[in-house]
Amino acid sequence: MKIQVKEISSVKRSLRVEVPQEAVSHEFHHASGHLQKDVRLSGFRPGKAPRSLIIKKYEEAIREEVLRKLIPEYCQKALDEVRLSPIGVPIIENIDFKKDAPLFFTALVDILPEIKLANYTGIILSKKNIPVTQEDVEKGLAVLQDQQGYLEGLPDDHGIALSDYVIIDFIGEVSGKALPGGKKKDYPVEIGSKGIRPEIEAALLGRKKGESVSVNVSIPIDDSEKEIAGKIAQYEIDIKEIKTKRLPALDEEFAKDLGLPSLPALREKVQGSLTAERKKMEEQSEKNQLMDRLIALHPFEAPSPMIERELRVLLQQMRMTVESDKAHVAELSAVAENRVKGSLILAAIAEKEKIEVSNDELAEAIVGTTRNTGVSIEKGRKEFLKNPDALRGLKEMTLAGKTLNWVYSTAQFEPLLPLLK
């Protein structure tokens, strides 16, 4: 076997592989012999047709079988010999296959980049320290009031207004055909919350309980349902109930209902919760800064298959397709590239600093991930154990997080400016 390696880029190689004639002839003979035993030709007993006739009649099938056997085998041998570990499946092209001659093919492979680590400790970050104000506390208390509120029916002659809660039945159609998910009963709508299309909300304003409304709605041209995109939908709506939300008074009794001894104690608890939440957000913002600095310190090309895989994850998370919005997809592609670069940098740092994920840490990660899915911890653990790829992915993600925390612990922060009074 002969191999010629060509560097296409820092993360892509081209291997021109020559498979010896002896191997080709042997495999051709083996494939034709195997076929000779199975096929039936008129005038010959099963398995007794001349090999030359078999080759003449089934040469294309024999060639395909030879290529199916030899290319994967010699591609792997070539990769092992030149010590390359490809990302994904190699692309095979430029196949030159002649009977009784060496077989030639080209394998295009993507590989991990070589990352030369810069000084990643002691990176200077900007620290934001935004205190929780009295206004923030009041907003937090208002959220609690809203959560403890209750709905109360309004008189039948009340016209629907902003902030009202309306219970409706509706049917949506396009050109006489039912819309996907376009039929609902007892559907709750908060007027002004933008929970429904604006045309429907506008048509409901001023209407009363028991009335029916017909409204046309323009379906966006980029709607995920291609069959109805850009068309006009007709909705028939029945108004069943109109309610308003009554909020409890912000007093001592309200605080006691929430398990606090007094209103000042409730305010203190809200302030403490907001402070902890803000600190967590500030730390995440600082870690985002840190990742940006690490990527800037390590210029290298990320392998395209890894970027494409990460982009698919992002699109799936946002319920988009590549055809959805070209500009948005381009932005997400840049995000995907930075995510890949960040993960590769953190992996290199983890290897250098000998940072590892213990079994206990992995078990904790499984519990955390499972809890977010709503299934039982035991079921989630079993699912991970049955799926090695998912377990490996979780371990890599946990290692990346642990490594980022370690680098963050070495960071330095610019002095905070005194707040102006």
Foldseek 3Di string as FASTA:
>chain_A
DDWDWDDPDLFKIKIKDKAALVLLQVLLVVLLQVVLQPDDDPPDDRSGDDSVVSCVVCVVVSVVSSCVPPVVVVVVVVCVVVVFDFDDAWDKDDWDDDHSGITIIMTMGTGFGDWDADPLFAAAFAFDDDAQDPVNLVVLVVVVQQVPWDKDFDDQQDFDDAQKKWFKWKWKDFPPHGDVVRTDHRDIDHQPPCPDDPQVSVQRGGDGAFDKTKTKDAADQLDPPNVCHRGIMIMIMHTHTIIHIDTDDQFQVSCVVVPHRGSVRVSVVSSVVVSVVVVVVSVVVRLVVSLVVSCVSIDDFGTPVQLVVQLVVVCVVVVHDCPRDVVVSVVSSVVSRSVRSSLVSLVVQCVVVVPAQDPVNLLVLQQVVVVVVVDDSVVSVVVCVVPVVNSVVSRSVSSSVVSSVVSVVRYHYDDDDDDDD
